[in-house]
Amino acid sequence: MTEPSSSTEPVGSIAEEAFKLFRAMTASPQPDAGTSDGGHVCTATWCPVCQVVGFVHDNPDALAKVSESAAVLTRSLRELIDTALNPRDQT
């Protein structure tokens, strides 16, 4: 197993790493210096990464709705946990 080089970025929080991954997946591909090809061409229509990236590219409002839903779900789970850990008196 190889050790990471000292020039790599430090590992961030889960949210930071998820954001980096999402940004990398949705960014427009940069052509290599040695090629004239304009970007990634997926030859497999079953490729889940290409399908997600294509969907997000074609439906940017869906990303906002998914983010909003995730925030509501997280808030609800937090309230559920708080209620379970600190039950109120029913008198």
C-alpha atoms as a PDB file:
ATOM      1  CA  MET A   1       0.000   0.000   0.000  1.00  0.00           C
ATOM      2  CA  THR A   2       1.360   3.427  -0.859  1.00  0.00           C
ATOM      3  CA  GLU A   3       1.462   6.375   1.466  1.00  0.00           C
ATOM      4  CA  PRO A   4      -0.286   9.570   0.327  1.00  0.00           C
ATOM      5  CA  SER A   5       2.048  12.296  -0.789  1.00  0.00           C
ATOM      6  CA  SER A   6       2.460  15.409   1.324  1.00  0.00           C
ATOM      7  CA  SER A   7       1.018  17.542  -1.494  1.00  0.00           C
ATOM      8  CA  THR A   8      -2.485  16.040  -1.212  1.00  0.00           C
ATOM      9  CA  GLU A   9      -5.327  17.935   0.398  1.00  0.00           C
ATOM     10  CA  PRO A  10      -6.141  17.090   3.998  1.00  0.00           C
ATOM     11  CA  VAL A  11      -9.313  15.078   4.548  1.00  0.00           C
ATOM     12  CA  GLY A  12     -12.213  17.298   5.595  1.00  0.00           C
ATOM     13  CA  SER A  13     -15.485  16.614   7.347  1.00  0.00           C
ATOM     14  CA  ILE A  14     -18.060  14.304   5.781  1.00  0.00           C
ATOM     15  CA  ALA A  15     -19.998  17.286   4.465  1.00  0.00           C
ATOM     16  CA  GLU A  16     -16.882  18.856   2.950  1.00  0.00           C
ATOM     17  CA  GLU A  17     -15.842  15.608   1.282  1.00  0.00           C
ATOM     18  CA  ALA A  18     -19.378  15.014  -0.024  1.00  0.00           C
ATOM     19  CA  PHE A  19     -19.415  18.536  -1.456  1.00  0.00           C
ATOM     20  CA  LYS A  20     -16.030  17.960  -3.138  1.00  0.00           C
ATOM     21  CA  LEU A  21     -17.286  14.696  -4.644  1.00  0.00           C
ATOM     22  CA  PHE A  22     -20.513  16.271  -5.862  1.00  0.00           C
ATOM     23  CA  ARG A  23     -18.626  19.243  -7.327  1.00  0.00           C
ATOM     24  CA  ALA A  24     -16.240  16.903  -9.132  1.00  0.00           C
ATOM     25  CA  MET A  25     -19.104  14.838 -10.512  1.00  0.00           C
ATOM     26  CA  THR A  26     -21.101  17.796 -11.804  1.00  0.00           C
ATOM     27  CA  ALA A  27     -18.214  19.891 -13.128  1.00  0.00           C
ATOM     28  CA  SER A  28     -17.715  20.107 -16.849  1.00  0.00           C
ATOM     29  CA  PRO A  29     -14.885  17.793 -17.861  1.00  0.00           C
ATOM     30  CA  GLN A  30     -11.629  19.519 -18.743  1.00  0.00           C
ATOM     31  CA  PRO A  31      -9.921  18.202 -21.879  1.00  0.00           C
ATOM     32  CA  ASP A  32      -6.454  16.742 -21.404  1.00  0.00           C
ATOM     33  CA  ALA A  33      -3.541  18.799 -22.690  1.00  0.00           C
ATOM     34  CA  GLY A  34      -2.566  16.050 -25.155  1.00  0.00           C
ATOM     35  CA  THR A  35      -6.018  15.459 -26.622  1.00  0.00           C
ATOM     36  CA  SER A  36      -8.411  17.499 -28.695  1.00  0.00           C
ATOM     37  CA  ASP A  37     -11.437  15.635 -27.302  1.00  0.00           C
ATOM     38  CA  GLY A  38     -13.894  17.999 -25.605  1.00  0.00           C
ATOM     39  CA  GLY A  39     -14.850  15.722 -22.708  1.00  0.00           C
ATOM     40  CA  HIS A  40     -16.032  12.422 -21.313  1.00  0.00           C
ATOM     41  CA  VAL A  41     -18.109  10.226 -23.561  1.00  0.00           C
ATOM     42  CA  CYS A  42     -19.936   7.484 -21.729  1.00  0.00           C
ATOM     43  CA  THR A  43     -20.401   4.478 -23.943  1.00  0.00           C
ATOM     44  CA  ALA A  44     -22.423   2.584 -21.342  1.00  0.00           C
ATOM     45  CA  THR A  45     -25.995   3.796 -20.958  1.00  0.00           C
ATOM     46  CA  TRP A  46     -26.217   1.844 -17.703  1.00  0.00           C
ATOM     47  CA  CYS A  47     -23.402   3.847 -16.047  1.00  0.00           C
ATOM     48  CA  PRO A  48     -25.026   5.209 -12.850  1.00  0.00           C
ATOM     49  CA  VAL A  49     -22.513   8.021 -12.463  1.00  0.00           C
ATOM     50  CA  CYS A  50     -23.170   9.331 -15.956  1.00  0.00           C
ATOM     51  CA  GLN A  51     -26.928   9.010 -15.458  1.00  0.00           C
ATOM     52  CA  VAL A  52     -26.838  11.024 -12.206  1.00  0.00           C
ATOM     53  CA  VAL A  53     -24.568  13.678 -13.680  1.00  0.00           C
ATOM     54  CA  GLY A  54     -26.751  13.930 -16.784  1.00  0.00           C
ATOM     55  CA  PHE A  55     -29.920  14.212 -14.702  1.00  0.00           C
ATOM     56  CA  VAL A  56     -28.462  16.931 -12.474  1.00  0.00           C
ATOM     57  CA  HIS A  57     -27.137  18.781 -15.521  1.00  0.00           C
ATOM     58  CA  ASP A  58     -30.561  18.670 -17.212  1.00  0.00           C
ATOM     59  CA  ASN A  59     -32.565  19.398 -14.019  1.00  0.00           C
ATOM     60  CA  PRO A  60     -30.689  21.876 -11.795  1.00  0.00           C
ATOM     61  CA  ASP A  61     -33.859  22.636  -9.812  1.00  0.00           C
ATOM     62  CA  ALA A  62     -34.025  18.975  -8.761  1.00  0.00           C
ATOM     63  CA  LEU A  63     -30.755  19.409  -6.882  1.00  0.00           C
ATOM     64  CA  ALA A  64     -32.232  22.293  -4.892  1.00  0.00           C
ATOM     65  CA  LYS A  65     -35.317  20.212  -4.043  1.00  0.00           C
ATOM     66  CA  VAL A  66     -33.211  17.226  -2.972  1.00  0.00           C
ATOM     67  CA  SER A  67     -31.033  19.478  -0.804  1.00  0.00           C
ATOM     68  CA  GLU A  68     -34.101  21.039   0.793  1.00  0.00           C
ATOM     69  CA  SER A  69     -35.637  17.615   1.438  1.00  0.00           C
ATOM     70  CA  ALA A  70     -32.404  16.363   2.986  1.00  0.00           C
ATOM     71  CA  ALA A  71     -32.339  19.385   5.301  1.00  0.00           C
ATOM     72  CA  VAL A  72     -35.957  18.774   6.376  1.00  0.00           C
ATOM     73  CA  LEU A  73     -35.229  15.084   6.966  1.00  0.00           C
ATOM     74  CA  THR A  74     -32.144  15.929   9.018  1.00  0.00           C
ATOM     75  CA  ARG A  75     -34.099  18.454  11.086  1.00  0.00           C
ATOM     76  CA  SER A  76     -36.886  15.919  11.690  1.00  0.00           C
ATOM     77  CA  LEU A  77     -34.431  13.234  12.757  1.00  0.00           C
ATOM     78  CA  ARG A  78     -32.742  15.668  15.106  1.00  0.00           C
ATOM     79  CA  GLU A  79     -36.095  16.575  16.706  1.00  0.00           C
ATOM     80  CA  LEU A  80     -36.975  12.883  17.011  1.00  0.00           C
ATOM     81  CA  ILE A  81     -33.682  12.132  18.759  1.00  0.00           C
ATOM     82  CA  ASP A  82     -34.045  15.144  21.056  1.00  0.00           C
ATOM     83  CA  THR A  83     -37.581  14.055  21.983  1.00  0.00           C
ATOM     84  CA  ALA A  84     -36.477  10.473  22.619  1.00  0.00           C
ATOM     85  CA  LEU A  85     -33.583  11.565  24.830  1.00  0.00           C
ATOM     86  CA  ASN A  86     -35.522  14.257  26.722  1.00  0.00           C
ATOM     87  CA  PRO A  87     -39.145  13.110  27.106  1.00  0.00           C
ATOM     88  CA  ARG A  88     -41.606  15.760  28.288  1.00  0.00           C
ATOM     89  CA  ASP A  89     -43.799  15.247  31.342  1.00  0.00           C
ATOM     90  CA  GLN A  90     -47.356  14.250  30.404  1.00  0.00           C
ATOM     91  CA  THR A  91     -49.157  15.729  33.461  1.00  0.00           C
END
